[in-house]
Amino acid sequence: MDERKFNTAAWVTIIFAVISILLQGVLTYWSLLGVQISMFPFGAKVVFLLLEIISIAVYIFIFLTFKYLLNKHFKFHQVDSYITLMIIGGIALSLVSLLWVIPQFEKPLSIITALIVIPFGIICAVFGIKLLQLPDDLYGMLRPLSYVTIGEGFCWGTVVLSPIGIILSAVSSILLGMIFFKAAAQNIQPRLGNQAVRFCDNCGNSLEEGEKFCTSCGQRI
């Protein structure tokens, strides 16, 4: 079951990354020509709206799958709240993007977008930092994914570097896709290096062999 789930997530994530880059490239090209989304013909606006709706659905699926992987296979819960906040931020940004098709909303939406993007970037960066606490190398992808996510968050947070943030977002999606592929290829058990490791169900703290109480939160094991 998990193998199919991770394989599906891997392909969806890779395709999502490619489509995101192509879509942003097209939008950037038209923007440089002075053509805003609100100036698109009706058919193009419908396509744009559909792509935005599909994108946020895929975004939610990707991060919920990653959360599932971290929780179930690595017993790691330290980034759960940040994943939830990133999903909420992604939904908020997508909802704002949908309104760009209405000419009258362009000016206020620029301010609203900035107000959402800045905290979203901070959350992304902190998520990347917290992810480094995972007591596993995540199939060799932990550091690359964490550092790219931190860079992505920094770019979003500055607003002016958001185009670079979009590129880094696609890179992080590709890295996630590779992680899902590797997860699907292995019959994974919670591990630390080559040894089995236990974690506290309450706080996620790693446990030593024979411990009956968590040294971090005091939870009975």
N, C-alpha and C. Protein backbone atom coordinates (compact mmCIF):
# COMPACT_ATOMS: atom_id res chain seq x y z
N MET A 1 0.83 -1.21 0.00
CA MET A 1 0.00 0.00 0.00
C MET A 1 0.87 1.26 0.00
N ASP A 2 1.87 1.30 0.90
CA ASP A 2 2.75 2.45 0.97
C ASP A 2 3.57 2.60 -0.30
N GLU A 3 3.98 1.46 -0.87
CA GLU A 3 4.77 1.52 -2.11
C GLU A 3 4.00 2.23 -3.21
N ARG A 4 2.73 1.86 -3.36
CA ARG A 4 1.90 2.51 -4.39
C ARG A 4 1.69 3.99 -4.06
N LYS A 5 1.45 4.26 -2.79
CA LYS A 5 1.22 5.65 -2.35
C LYS A 5 2.43 6.53 -2.66
N PHE A 6 3.63 6.04 -2.33
CA PHE A 6 4.84 6.83 -2.54
C PHE A 6 5.20 6.94 -4.01
N ASN A 7 4.98 5.88 -4.78
CA ASN A 7 5.24 5.95 -6.22
C ASN A 7 4.33 6.98 -6.88
N THR A 8 3.06 6.96 -6.50
CA THR A 8 2.11 7.95 -7.04
C THR A 8 2.53 9.36 -6.67
N ALA A 9 2.88 9.54 -5.39
CA ALA A 9 3.31 10.86 -4.91
C ALA A 9 4.56 11.32 -5.64
N ALA A 10 5.47 10.38 -5.92
CA ALA A 10 6.72 10.74 -6.61
C ALA A 10 6.45 11.28 -8.00
N TRP A 11 5.65 10.54 -8.78
CA TRP A 11 5.36 10.99 -10.15
C TRP A 11 4.57 12.29 -10.14
N VAL A 12 3.59 12.40 -9.26
CA VAL A 12 2.79 13.63 -9.17
C VAL A 12 3.68 14.82 -8.83
N THR A 13 4.61 14.61 -7.91
CA THR A 13 5.51 15.69 -7.47
C THR A 13 6.43 16.15 -8.59
N ILE A 14 7.01 15.19 -9.31
CA ILE A 14 7.91 15.54 -10.42
C ILE A 14 7.16 16.29 -11.52
N ILE A 15 6.00 15.77 -11.90
CA ILE A 15 5.20 16.41 -12.95
C ILE A 15 4.76 17.80 -12.50
N PHE A 16 4.39 17.92 -11.23
CA PHE A 16 3.98 19.21 -10.66
C PHE A 16 5.11 20.23 -10.77
N ALA A 17 6.33 19.80 -10.48
CA ALA A 17 7.49 20.70 -10.54
C ALA A 17 7.71 21.19 -11.97
N VAL A 18 7.64 20.28 -12.94
CA VAL A 18 7.87 20.65 -14.34
C VAL A 18 6.80 21.62 -14.83
N ILE A 19 5.53 21.29 -14.54
CA ILE A 19 4.43 22.15 -14.98
C ILE A 19 4.52 23.53 -14.32
N SER A 20 4.91 23.57 -13.04
CA SER A 20 5.03 24.85 -12.33
C SER A 20 6.06 25.76 -13.00
N ILE A 21 7.20 25.18 -13.36
CA ILE A 21 8.25 25.96 -14.02
C ILE A 21 7.78 26.48 -15.37
N LEU A 22 7.13 25.61 -16.15
CA LEU A 22 6.64 26.02 -17.47
C LEU A 22 5.58 27.11 -17.35
N LEU A 23 4.66 26.93 -16.40
CA LEU A 23 3.60 27.92 -16.22
C LEU A 23 4.16 29.27 -15.79
N GLN A 24 5.08 29.25 -14.83
CA GLN A 24 5.67 30.50 -14.37
C GLN A 24 6.49 31.16 -15.47
N GLY A 25 7.11 30.34 -16.31
CA GLY A 25 7.87 30.89 -17.44
C GLY A 25 6.97 31.62 -18.41
N VAL A 26 5.82 31.04 -18.70
CA VAL A 26 4.85 31.67 -19.61
C VAL A 26 4.31 32.96 -19.00
N LEU A 27 3.95 32.91 -17.71
CA LEU A 27 3.41 34.10 -17.05
C LEU A 27 4.44 35.23 -16.98
N THR A 28 5.70 34.85 -16.72
CA THR A 28 6.77 35.85 -16.67
C THR A 28 6.99 36.49 -18.04
N TYR A 29 6.95 35.65 -19.07
CA TYR A 29 7.13 36.16 -20.45
C TYR A 29 6.05 37.17 -20.79
N TRP A 30 4.79 36.83 -20.50
CA TRP A 30 3.69 37.75 -20.80
C TRP A 30 3.78 39.01 -19.95
N SER A 31 4.22 38.85 -18.71
CA SER A 31 4.36 40.01 -17.83
C SER A 31 5.40 40.98 -18.36
N LEU A 32 6.50 40.45 -18.90
CA LEU A 32 7.55 41.30 -19.47
C LEU A 32 7.04 42.05 -20.69
N LEU A 33 6.06 41.47 -21.35
CA LEU A 33 5.46 42.12 -22.52
C LEU A 33 4.36 43.10 -22.12
N GLY A 34 4.12 43.21 -20.80
CA GLY A 34 3.11 44.14 -20.31
C GLY A 34 1.70 43.57 -20.30
N VAL A 35 1.58 42.24 -20.48
CA VAL A 35 0.26 41.60 -20.49
C VAL A 35 0.01 40.98 -19.12
N GLN A 36 -0.95 41.51 -18.38
CA GLN A 36 -1.30 40.99 -17.05
C GLN A 36 -2.35 39.89 -17.18
N ILE A 37 -2.49 39.11 -16.11
CA ILE A 37 -3.45 38.00 -16.12
C ILE A 37 -4.87 38.51 -16.37
N SER A 38 -5.18 39.68 -15.83
CA SER A 38 -6.52 40.24 -16.00
C SER A 38 -6.82 40.60 -17.45
N MET A 39 -5.77 40.68 -18.28
CA MET A 39 -5.94 41.04 -19.70
C MET A 39 -6.07 39.80 -20.58
N PHE A 40 -5.95 38.61 -19.98
CA PHE A 40 -6.06 37.36 -20.75
C PHE A 40 -7.48 37.23 -21.30
N PRO A 41 -7.64 36.58 -22.45
CA PRO A 41 -8.99 36.27 -22.95
C PRO A 41 -9.68 35.29 -22.01
N PHE A 42 -11.00 35.20 -22.13
CA PHE A 42 -11.79 34.38 -21.20
C PHE A 42 -11.30 32.94 -21.12
N GLY A 43 -11.02 32.34 -22.27
CA GLY A 43 -10.58 30.95 -22.29
C GLY A 43 -9.27 30.76 -21.54
N ALA A 44 -8.34 31.69 -21.71
CA ALA A 44 -7.05 31.60 -21.03
C ALA A 44 -7.22 31.77 -19.52
N LYS A 45 -8.16 32.63 -19.12
CA LYS A 45 -8.44 32.83 -17.69
C LYS A 45 -8.99 31.55 -17.06
N VAL A 46 -9.86 30.86 -17.80
CA VAL A 46 -10.43 29.60 -17.30
C VAL A 46 -9.33 28.56 -17.10
N VAL A 47 -8.43 28.47 -18.08
CA VAL A 47 -7.31 27.53 -17.98
C VAL A 47 -6.43 27.87 -16.78
N PHE A 48 -6.15 29.16 -16.61
CA PHE A 48 -5.33 29.61 -15.49
C PHE A 48 -5.97 29.24 -14.15
N LEU A 49 -7.29 29.47 -14.03
CA LEU A 49 -8.00 29.15 -12.80
C LEU A 49 -7.97 27.65 -12.51
N LEU A 50 -8.18 26.84 -13.55
CA LEU A 50 -8.16 25.39 -13.38
C LEU A 50 -6.78 24.91 -12.93
N LEU A 51 -5.73 25.47 -13.53
CA LEU A 51 -4.37 25.09 -13.17
C LEU A 51 -4.05 25.47 -11.73
N GLU A 52 -4.53 26.62 -11.30
CA GLU A 52 -4.31 27.05 -9.91
C GLU A 52 -5.00 26.11 -8.93
N ILE A 53 -6.23 25.73 -9.25
CA ILE A 53 -6.98 24.83 -8.36
C ILE A 53 -6.31 23.47 -8.29
N ILE A 54 -5.87 22.96 -9.44
CA ILE A 54 -5.18 21.66 -9.48
C ILE A 54 -3.86 21.75 -8.71
N SER A 55 -3.16 22.87 -8.88
CA SER A 55 -1.86 23.05 -8.24
C SER A 55 -1.97 23.00 -6.72
N ILE A 56 -2.95 23.67 -6.15
CA ILE A 56 -3.06 23.68 -4.69
C ILE A 56 -3.48 22.30 -4.18
N ALA A 57 -4.32 21.59 -4.96
CA ALA A 57 -4.71 20.23 -4.56
C ALA A 57 -3.49 19.32 -4.53
N VAL A 58 -2.64 19.46 -5.55
CA VAL A 58 -1.42 18.65 -5.62
C VAL A 58 -0.46 19.04 -4.50
N TYR A 59 -0.33 20.33 -4.25
CA TYR A 59 0.54 20.84 -3.19
C TYR A 59 0.16 20.23 -1.83
N ILE A 60 -1.14 20.21 -1.55
CA ILE A 60 -1.63 19.64 -0.29
C ILE A 60 -1.31 18.15 -0.24
N PHE A 61 -1.56 17.45 -1.34
CA PHE A 61 -1.30 16.00 -1.40
C PHE A 61 0.17 15.69 -1.15
N ILE A 62 1.05 16.48 -1.77
CA ILE A 62 2.49 16.25 -1.63
C ILE A 62 2.93 16.39 -0.18
N PHE A 63 2.52 17.46 0.47
CA PHE A 63 2.99 17.70 1.84
C PHE A 63 2.32 16.79 2.86
N LEU A 64 1.09 16.39 2.62
CA LEU A 64 0.46 15.43 3.51
C LEU A 64 1.13 14.06 3.39
N THR A 65 1.56 13.72 2.17
CA THR A 65 2.28 12.46 1.96
C THR A 65 3.65 12.51 2.64
N PHE A 66 4.32 13.65 2.54
CA PHE A 66 5.63 13.81 3.18
C PHE A 66 5.47 13.73 4.70
N LYS A 67 4.42 14.34 5.23
CA LYS A 67 4.15 14.28 6.67
C LYS A 67 3.91 12.83 7.09
N TYR A 68 3.17 12.09 6.27
CA TYR A 68 2.90 10.68 6.54
C TYR A 68 4.20 9.88 6.58
N LEU A 69 5.08 10.16 5.63
CA LEU A 69 6.37 9.47 5.58
C LEU A 69 7.18 9.75 6.84
N LEU A 70 7.26 11.01 7.22
CA LEU A 70 8.04 11.39 8.40
C LEU A 70 7.44 10.79 9.68
N ASN A 71 6.12 10.84 9.77
CA ASN A 71 5.45 10.35 10.98
C ASN A 71 5.51 8.84 11.12
N LYS A 72 5.14 8.14 10.06
CA LYS A 72 5.01 6.69 10.15
C LYS A 72 6.34 5.96 10.06
N HIS A 73 7.17 6.37 9.13
CA HIS A 73 8.39 5.60 8.88
C HIS A 73 9.62 6.10 9.63
N PHE A 74 9.57 7.35 10.09
CA PHE A 74 10.70 7.88 10.84
C PHE A 74 10.31 8.34 12.25
N LYS A 75 9.02 8.22 12.58
CA LYS A 75 8.52 8.63 13.88
C LYS A 75 8.97 10.05 14.23
N PHE A 76 8.93 10.92 13.24
CA PHE A 76 9.40 12.30 13.39
C PHE A 76 8.20 13.24 13.27
N HIS A 77 7.95 14.01 14.34
CA HIS A 77 6.76 14.87 14.38
C HIS A 77 7.10 16.35 14.57
N GLN A 78 8.39 16.68 14.62
CA GLN A 78 8.78 18.05 14.95
C GLN A 78 8.39 19.09 13.91
N VAL A 79 8.07 18.68 12.70
CA VAL A 79 7.72 19.66 11.66
C VAL A 79 6.24 19.60 11.29
N ASP A 80 5.45 18.83 12.02
CA ASP A 80 4.03 18.68 11.69
C ASP A 80 3.30 20.02 11.61
N SER A 81 3.51 20.87 12.62
CA SER A 81 2.81 22.16 12.65
C SER A 81 3.26 23.06 11.50
N TYR A 82 4.53 22.97 11.13
CA TYR A 82 5.03 23.80 10.03
C TYR A 82 4.47 23.34 8.69
N ILE A 83 4.31 22.05 8.53
CA ILE A 83 3.69 21.53 7.30
C ILE A 83 2.25 22.04 7.20
N THR A 84 1.53 22.01 8.32
CA THR A 84 0.16 22.52 8.34
C THR A 84 0.12 24.00 7.97
N LEU A 85 1.04 24.79 8.53
CA LEU A 85 1.09 26.22 8.23
C LEU A 85 1.46 26.48 6.77
N MET A 86 2.36 25.65 6.22
CA MET A 86 2.74 25.81 4.81
C MET A 86 1.57 25.48 3.89
N ILE A 87 0.77 24.49 4.26
CA ILE A 87 -0.41 24.15 3.48
C ILE A 87 -1.41 25.31 3.52
N ILE A 88 -1.62 25.87 4.70
CA ILE A 88 -2.54 27.00 4.84
C ILE A 88 -2.03 28.20 4.02
N GLY A 89 -0.72 28.45 4.10
CA GLY A 89 -0.13 29.55 3.32
C GLY A 89 -0.27 29.33 1.83
N GLY A 90 -0.05 28.08 1.40
CA GLY A 90 -0.19 27.76 -0.03
C GLY A 90 -1.61 27.96 -0.51
N ILE A 91 -2.58 27.56 0.31
CA ILE A 91 -3.99 27.76 -0.05
C ILE A 91 -4.31 29.25 -0.15
N ALA A 92 -3.82 30.03 0.82
CA ALA A 92 -4.07 31.48 0.82
C ALA A 92 -3.50 32.14 -0.42
N LEU A 93 -2.27 31.76 -0.78
CA LEU A 93 -1.65 32.34 -1.98
C LEU A 93 -2.40 31.96 -3.26
N SER A 94 -2.89 30.74 -3.30
CA SER A 94 -3.64 30.29 -4.48
C SER A 94 -4.97 31.02 -4.60
N LEU A 95 -5.63 31.22 -3.46
CA LEU A 95 -6.90 31.95 -3.48
C LEU A 95 -6.70 33.38 -3.97
N VAL A 96 -5.60 33.98 -3.53
CA VAL A 96 -5.28 35.34 -3.98
C VAL A 96 -4.98 35.34 -5.48
N SER A 97 -4.26 34.32 -5.94
CA SER A 97 -3.91 34.23 -7.36
C SER A 97 -5.16 34.14 -8.24
N LEU A 98 -6.18 33.46 -7.72
CA LEU A 98 -7.42 33.32 -8.49
C LEU A 98 -8.08 34.67 -8.76
N LEU A 99 -7.85 35.62 -7.86
CA LEU A 99 -8.49 36.94 -8.00
C LEU A 99 -7.75 37.85 -8.97
N TRP A 100 -6.54 37.43 -9.39
CA TRP A 100 -5.78 38.27 -10.32
C TRP A 100 -6.45 38.39 -11.69
N VAL A 101 -7.42 37.53 -11.97
CA VAL A 101 -8.11 37.60 -13.26
C VAL A 101 -9.08 38.78 -13.30
N ILE A 102 -9.34 39.41 -12.14
CA ILE A 102 -10.26 40.55 -12.08
C ILE A 102 -9.44 41.84 -12.05
N PRO A 103 -9.55 42.68 -13.09
CA PRO A 103 -8.72 43.90 -13.21
C PRO A 103 -8.79 44.82 -12.00
N GLN A 104 -9.98 44.98 -11.41
CA GLN A 104 -10.15 45.92 -10.31
C GLN A 104 -9.37 45.51 -9.05
N PHE A 105 -8.98 44.25 -8.96
CA PHE A 105 -8.33 43.75 -7.75
C PHE A 105 -6.80 43.81 -7.81
N GLU A 106 -6.23 44.22 -8.94
CA GLU A 106 -4.79 44.13 -9.12
C GLU A 106 -3.99 44.88 -8.06
N LYS A 107 -4.33 46.14 -7.81
CA LYS A 107 -3.55 46.95 -6.86
C LYS A 107 -3.65 46.44 -5.43
N PRO A 108 -4.86 46.23 -4.89
CA PRO A 108 -4.93 45.71 -3.51
C PRO A 108 -4.33 44.31 -3.38
N LEU A 109 -4.41 43.50 -4.43
CA LEU A 109 -3.87 42.15 -4.36
C LEU A 109 -2.35 42.14 -4.25
N SER A 110 -1.71 43.16 -4.81
CA SER A 110 -0.25 43.25 -4.70
C SER A 110 0.16 43.37 -3.23
N ILE A 111 -0.58 44.17 -2.48
CA ILE A 111 -0.29 44.36 -1.05
C ILE A 111 -0.64 43.10 -0.26
N ILE A 112 -1.80 42.53 -0.57
CA ILE A 112 -2.25 41.31 0.13
C ILE A 112 -1.28 40.17 -0.10
N THR A 113 -0.82 40.03 -1.34
CA THR A 113 0.13 38.96 -1.68
C THR A 113 1.41 39.10 -0.87
N ALA A 114 1.92 40.33 -0.78
CA ALA A 114 3.14 40.57 -0.01
C ALA A 114 2.95 40.22 1.47
N LEU A 115 1.77 40.56 2.00
CA LEU A 115 1.49 40.28 3.41
C LEU A 115 1.41 38.78 3.69
N ILE A 116 1.07 38.00 2.68
CA ILE A 116 1.00 36.54 2.84
C ILE A 116 2.35 35.91 2.57
N VAL A 117 3.04 36.40 1.53
CA VAL A 117 4.30 35.80 1.10
C VAL A 117 5.39 35.91 2.17
N ILE A 118 5.46 37.05 2.85
CA ILE A 118 6.53 37.25 3.85
C ILE A 118 6.46 36.21 4.99
N PRO A 119 5.30 36.07 5.68
CA PRO A 119 5.25 35.04 6.73
C PRO A 119 5.37 33.62 6.17
N PHE A 120 4.87 33.41 4.95
CA PHE A 120 4.99 32.10 4.30
C PHE A 120 6.46 31.75 4.11
N GLY A 121 7.25 32.74 3.69
CA GLY A 121 8.68 32.52 3.51
C GLY A 121 9.38 32.18 4.82
N ILE A 122 9.00 32.88 5.88
CA ILE A 122 9.60 32.62 7.20
C ILE A 122 9.28 31.19 7.64
N ILE A 123 8.02 30.78 7.44
CA ILE A 123 7.61 29.42 7.82
C ILE A 123 8.39 28.38 7.03
N CYS A 124 8.58 28.61 5.73
CA CYS A 124 9.35 27.68 4.89
C CYS A 124 10.78 27.54 5.40
N ALA A 125 11.39 28.67 5.73
CA ALA A 125 12.78 28.66 6.20
C ALA A 125 12.90 27.90 7.52
N VAL A 126 11.98 28.18 8.45
CA VAL A 126 12.02 27.50 9.75
C VAL A 126 11.76 26.00 9.57
N PHE A 127 10.86 25.66 8.66
CA PHE A 127 10.58 24.26 8.36
C PHE A 127 11.86 23.55 7.91
N GLY A 128 12.61 24.20 7.02
CA GLY A 128 13.86 23.62 6.54
C GLY A 128 14.87 23.43 7.66
N ILE A 129 14.94 24.40 8.58
CA ILE A 129 15.86 24.31 9.71
C ILE A 129 15.45 23.18 10.66
N LYS A 130 14.16 23.11 10.98
CA LYS A 130 13.65 22.07 11.88
C LYS A 130 13.82 20.68 11.27
N LEU A 131 13.70 20.58 9.96
CA LEU A 131 13.81 19.29 9.29
C LEU A 131 15.20 18.69 9.48
N LEU A 132 16.20 19.54 9.65
CA LEU A 132 17.57 19.06 9.87
C LEU A 132 17.71 18.28 11.18
N GLN A 133 16.71 18.36 12.05
CA GLN A 133 16.74 17.62 13.31
C GLN A 133 16.38 16.14 13.12
N LEU A 134 15.92 15.79 11.94
CA LEU A 134 15.57 14.39 11.68
C LEU A 134 16.80 13.50 11.88
N PRO A 135 16.72 12.48 12.75
CA PRO A 135 17.88 11.62 13.02
C PRO A 135 18.09 10.56 11.95
N ASP A 136 18.06 10.97 10.70
CA ASP A 136 18.24 10.09 9.56
C ASP A 136 18.62 10.98 8.38
N ASP A 137 19.30 10.40 7.38
CA ASP A 137 19.71 11.22 6.24
C ASP A 137 18.65 11.29 5.15
N LEU A 138 17.46 10.67 5.39
CA LEU A 138 16.35 10.72 4.44
C LEU A 138 16.80 10.29 3.05
N TYR A 139 17.45 9.12 3.02
CA TYR A 139 17.95 8.53 1.76
C TYR A 139 18.98 9.43 1.08
N GLY A 140 19.75 10.18 1.89
CA GLY A 140 20.77 11.06 1.36
C GLY A 140 20.24 12.41 0.89
N MET A 141 18.95 12.66 1.13
CA MET A 141 18.31 13.89 0.62
C MET A 141 18.01 14.92 1.70
N LEU A 142 18.31 14.60 2.96
CA LEU A 142 17.92 15.50 4.04
C LEU A 142 18.53 16.88 3.91
N ARG A 143 19.85 16.94 3.80
CA ARG A 143 20.52 18.25 3.72
C ARG A 143 20.15 19.02 2.44
N PRO A 144 20.19 18.38 1.26
CA PRO A 144 19.79 19.13 0.06
C PRO A 144 18.37 19.69 0.16
N LEU A 145 17.43 18.87 0.63
CA LEU A 145 16.05 19.34 0.75
C LEU A 145 15.93 20.46 1.77
N SER A 146 16.58 20.30 2.91
CA SER A 146 16.51 21.32 3.96
C SER A 146 17.10 22.64 3.51
N TYR A 147 18.28 22.59 2.90
CA TYR A 147 18.95 23.83 2.48
C TYR A 147 18.20 24.53 1.35
N VAL A 148 17.67 23.75 0.41
CA VAL A 148 16.88 24.35 -0.68
C VAL A 148 15.62 25.00 -0.12
N THR A 149 14.99 24.33 0.84
CA THR A 149 13.77 24.88 1.46
C THR A 149 14.07 26.16 2.24
N ILE A 150 15.20 26.17 2.93
CA ILE A 150 15.60 27.39 3.65
C ILE A 150 15.83 28.53 2.66
N GLY A 151 16.53 28.24 1.56
CA GLY A 151 16.76 29.26 0.53
C GLY A 151 15.46 29.73 -0.09
N GLU A 152 14.56 28.79 -0.33
CA GLU A 152 13.25 29.12 -0.88
C GLU A 152 12.50 30.07 0.05
N GLY A 153 12.54 29.74 1.34
CA GLY A 153 11.86 30.58 2.33
C GLY A 153 12.44 31.98 2.37
N PHE A 154 13.77 32.07 2.30
CA PHE A 154 14.42 33.38 2.30
C PHE A 154 13.97 34.22 1.10
N CYS A 155 13.92 33.58 -0.06
CA CYS A 155 13.52 34.30 -1.28
C CYS A 155 12.07 34.76 -1.20
N TRP A 156 11.18 33.89 -0.72
CA TRP A 156 9.78 34.30 -0.56
C TRP A 156 9.67 35.46 0.43
N GLY A 157 10.44 35.36 1.52
CA GLY A 157 10.36 36.37 2.56
C GLY A 157 10.80 37.76 2.11
N THR A 158 11.70 37.82 1.14
CA THR A 158 12.15 39.12 0.65
C THR A 158 11.18 39.73 -0.36
N VAL A 159 10.25 38.93 -0.86
CA VAL A 159 9.25 39.33 -1.86
C VAL A 159 9.91 39.58 -3.23
N VAL A 160 10.92 40.45 -3.27
CA VAL A 160 11.54 40.80 -4.55
C VAL A 160 12.26 39.61 -5.18
N LEU A 161 12.65 38.64 -4.35
CA LEU A 161 13.33 37.45 -4.87
C LEU A 161 12.36 36.28 -5.08
N SER A 162 11.07 36.58 -5.08
CA SER A 162 10.06 35.53 -5.24
C SER A 162 10.23 34.69 -6.51
N PRO A 163 10.65 35.30 -7.65
CA PRO A 163 10.87 34.47 -8.84
C PRO A 163 11.91 33.37 -8.61
N ILE A 164 12.95 33.69 -7.84
CA ILE A 164 13.95 32.67 -7.50
C ILE A 164 13.33 31.66 -6.55
N GLY A 165 12.45 32.14 -5.66
CA GLY A 165 11.75 31.25 -4.75
C GLY A 165 10.92 30.23 -5.49
N ILE A 166 10.32 30.65 -6.61
CA ILE A 166 9.52 29.74 -7.43
C ILE A 166 10.40 28.63 -8.01
N ILE A 167 11.59 29.01 -8.46
CA ILE A 167 12.52 28.01 -9.02
C ILE A 167 12.97 27.04 -7.94
N LEU A 168 13.33 27.58 -6.77
CA LEU A 168 13.76 26.72 -5.65
C LEU A 168 12.62 25.82 -5.18
N SER A 169 11.39 26.32 -5.28
CA SER A 169 10.23 25.51 -4.91
C SER A 169 10.13 24.29 -5.83
N ALA A 170 10.39 24.50 -7.12
CA ALA A 170 10.36 23.40 -8.09
C ALA A 170 11.48 22.41 -7.79
N VAL A 171 12.65 22.93 -7.40
CA VAL A 171 13.79 22.06 -7.05
C VAL A 171 13.45 21.22 -5.83
N SER A 172 12.84 21.84 -4.82
CA SER A 172 12.47 21.09 -3.62
C SER A 172 11.42 20.03 -3.94
N SER A 173 10.54 20.33 -4.89
CA SER A 173 9.54 19.35 -5.31
C SER A 173 10.21 18.15 -5.98
N ILE A 174 11.21 18.41 -6.80
CA ILE A 174 11.94 17.32 -7.44
C ILE A 174 12.66 16.47 -6.40
N LEU A 175 13.26 17.11 -5.39
CA LEU A 175 13.92 16.38 -4.32
C LEU A 175 12.92 15.53 -3.54
N LEU A 176 11.74 16.08 -3.30
CA LEU A 176 10.70 15.32 -2.61
C LEU A 176 10.28 14.12 -3.46
N GLY A 177 10.18 14.34 -4.77
CA GLY A 177 9.84 13.24 -5.66
C GLY A 177 10.86 12.12 -5.58
N MET A 178 12.13 12.47 -5.53
CA MET A 178 13.20 11.47 -5.42
C MET A 178 13.11 10.73 -4.09
N ILE A 179 12.76 11.46 -3.03
CA ILE A 179 12.59 10.84 -1.71
C ILE A 179 11.45 9.83 -1.75
N PHE A 180 10.34 10.20 -2.38
CA PHE A 180 9.19 9.30 -2.48
C PHE A 180 9.54 8.04 -3.28
N PHE A 181 10.30 8.22 -4.36
CA PHE A 181 10.73 7.07 -5.16
C PHE A 181 11.56 6.10 -4.31
N LYS A 182 12.48 6.67 -3.52
CA LYS A 182 13.34 5.82 -2.69
C LYS A 182 12.55 5.17 -1.56
N ALA A 183 11.56 5.89 -1.04
CA ALA A 183 10.71 5.33 0.01
C ALA A 183 9.90 4.16 -0.53
N ALA A 184 9.42 4.31 -1.75
CA ALA A 184 8.63 3.25 -2.37
C ALA A 184 9.47 2.01 -2.67
N ALA A 185 10.76 2.23 -2.91
CA ALA A 185 11.64 1.11 -3.29
C ALA A 185 12.12 0.31 -2.08
N GLN A 186 11.86 0.81 -0.90
CA GLN A 186 12.36 0.13 0.30
C GLN A 186 11.22 -0.26 1.23
N ASN A 187 11.42 -1.36 1.89
CA ASN A 187 10.48 -1.75 2.93
C ASN A 187 10.97 -1.09 4.20
N ILE A 188 10.60 0.20 4.39
CA ILE A 188 11.24 1.01 5.42
C ILE A 188 10.74 0.71 6.81
N GLN A 189 11.65 0.73 7.74
CA GLN A 189 11.35 0.64 9.15
C GLN A 189 12.01 1.85 9.82
N PRO A 190 11.46 2.32 10.93
CA PRO A 190 12.13 3.42 11.64
C PRO A 190 13.58 3.05 11.91
N ARG A 191 14.52 3.96 11.58
CA ARG A 191 15.92 3.61 11.71
C ARG A 191 16.77 4.83 11.99
N LEU A 192 17.96 4.60 12.50
CA LEU A 192 18.96 5.64 12.69
C LEU A 192 20.26 5.04 12.21
N GLY A 193 20.74 5.48 11.04
CA GLY A 193 21.89 4.82 10.42
C GLY A 193 21.45 3.44 9.99
N ASN A 194 22.11 2.40 10.50
CA ASN A 194 21.75 1.03 10.19
C ASN A 194 21.07 0.33 11.36
N GLN A 195 20.77 1.07 12.41
CA GLN A 195 20.18 0.47 13.58
C GLN A 195 18.75 0.94 13.78
N ALA A 196 17.92 0.01 14.30
CA ALA A 196 16.55 0.38 14.61
C ALA A 196 16.54 1.38 15.75
N VAL A 197 15.63 2.29 15.72
CA VAL A 197 15.56 3.31 16.76
C VAL A 197 14.11 3.55 17.12
N ARG A 198 13.86 3.83 18.41
CA ARG A 198 12.51 4.12 18.86
C ARG A 198 12.38 5.61 19.15
N PHE A 199 11.13 6.08 19.02
CA PHE A 199 10.86 7.48 19.29
C PHE A 199 9.64 7.59 20.19
N CYS A 200 9.60 8.64 20.98
CA CYS A 200 8.46 8.90 21.84
C CYS A 200 7.24 9.26 21.00
N ASP A 201 6.11 8.59 21.25
CA ASP A 201 4.89 8.87 20.49
C ASP A 201 4.31 10.24 20.80
N ASN A 202 4.70 10.79 21.95
CA ASN A 202 4.15 12.08 22.38
C ASN A 202 4.90 13.27 21.81
N CYS A 203 6.25 13.23 21.86
CA CYS A 203 7.03 14.40 21.44
C CYS A 203 8.02 14.11 20.31
N GLY A 204 8.21 12.82 19.97
CA GLY A 204 9.11 12.49 18.87
C GLY A 204 10.56 12.36 19.29
N ASN A 205 10.87 12.51 20.57
CA ASN A 205 12.26 12.40 21.04
C ASN A 205 12.77 10.96 20.88
N SER A 206 14.05 10.80 20.47
CA SER A 206 14.61 9.46 20.32
C SER A 206 14.81 8.82 21.69
N LEU A 207 14.64 7.50 21.75
CA LEU A 207 14.70 6.78 23.01
C LEU A 207 15.85 5.78 23.01
N GLU A 208 16.48 5.65 24.14
CA GLU A 208 17.53 4.65 24.31
C GLU A 208 16.91 3.29 24.61
N GLU A 209 17.65 2.25 24.28
CA GLU A 209 17.18 0.90 24.53
C GLU A 209 16.93 0.70 26.03
N GLY A 210 15.74 0.17 26.37
CA GLY A 210 15.42 -0.14 27.75
C GLY A 210 14.74 0.99 28.51
N GLU A 211 14.66 2.17 27.92
CA GLU A 211 14.02 3.30 28.62
C GLU A 211 12.51 3.06 28.73
N LYS A 212 11.95 3.37 29.89
CA LYS A 212 10.52 3.20 30.10
C LYS A 212 9.78 4.54 30.11
N PHE A 213 10.55 5.64 30.22
CA PHE A 213 9.97 6.97 30.18
C PHE A 213 10.79 7.86 29.25
N CYS A 214 10.10 8.77 28.55
CA CYS A 214 10.80 9.70 27.66
C CYS A 214 11.58 10.71 28.51
N THR A 215 12.85 10.91 28.18
CA THR A 215 13.68 11.85 28.94
C THR A 215 13.35 13.30 28.61
N SER A 216 12.56 13.51 27.54
CA SER A 216 12.21 14.87 27.14
C SER A 216 10.90 15.34 27.74
N CYS A 217 9.84 14.51 27.61
CA CYS A 217 8.52 14.94 28.09
C CYS A 217 8.00 14.11 29.25
N GLY A 218 8.66 13.00 29.59
CA GLY A 218 8.23 12.18 30.72
C GLY A 218 7.15 11.18 30.39
N GLN A 219 6.74 11.11 29.11
CA GLN A 219 5.70 10.17 28.68
C GLN A 219 6.14 8.73 28.96
N ARG A 220 5.23 7.91 29.49
CA ARG A 220 5.52 6.50 29.71
C ARG A 220 5.56 5.79 28.37
N ILE A 221 6.57 4.96 28.14
CA ILE A 221 6.75 4.27 26.87
C ILE A 221 5.98 2.94 26.88
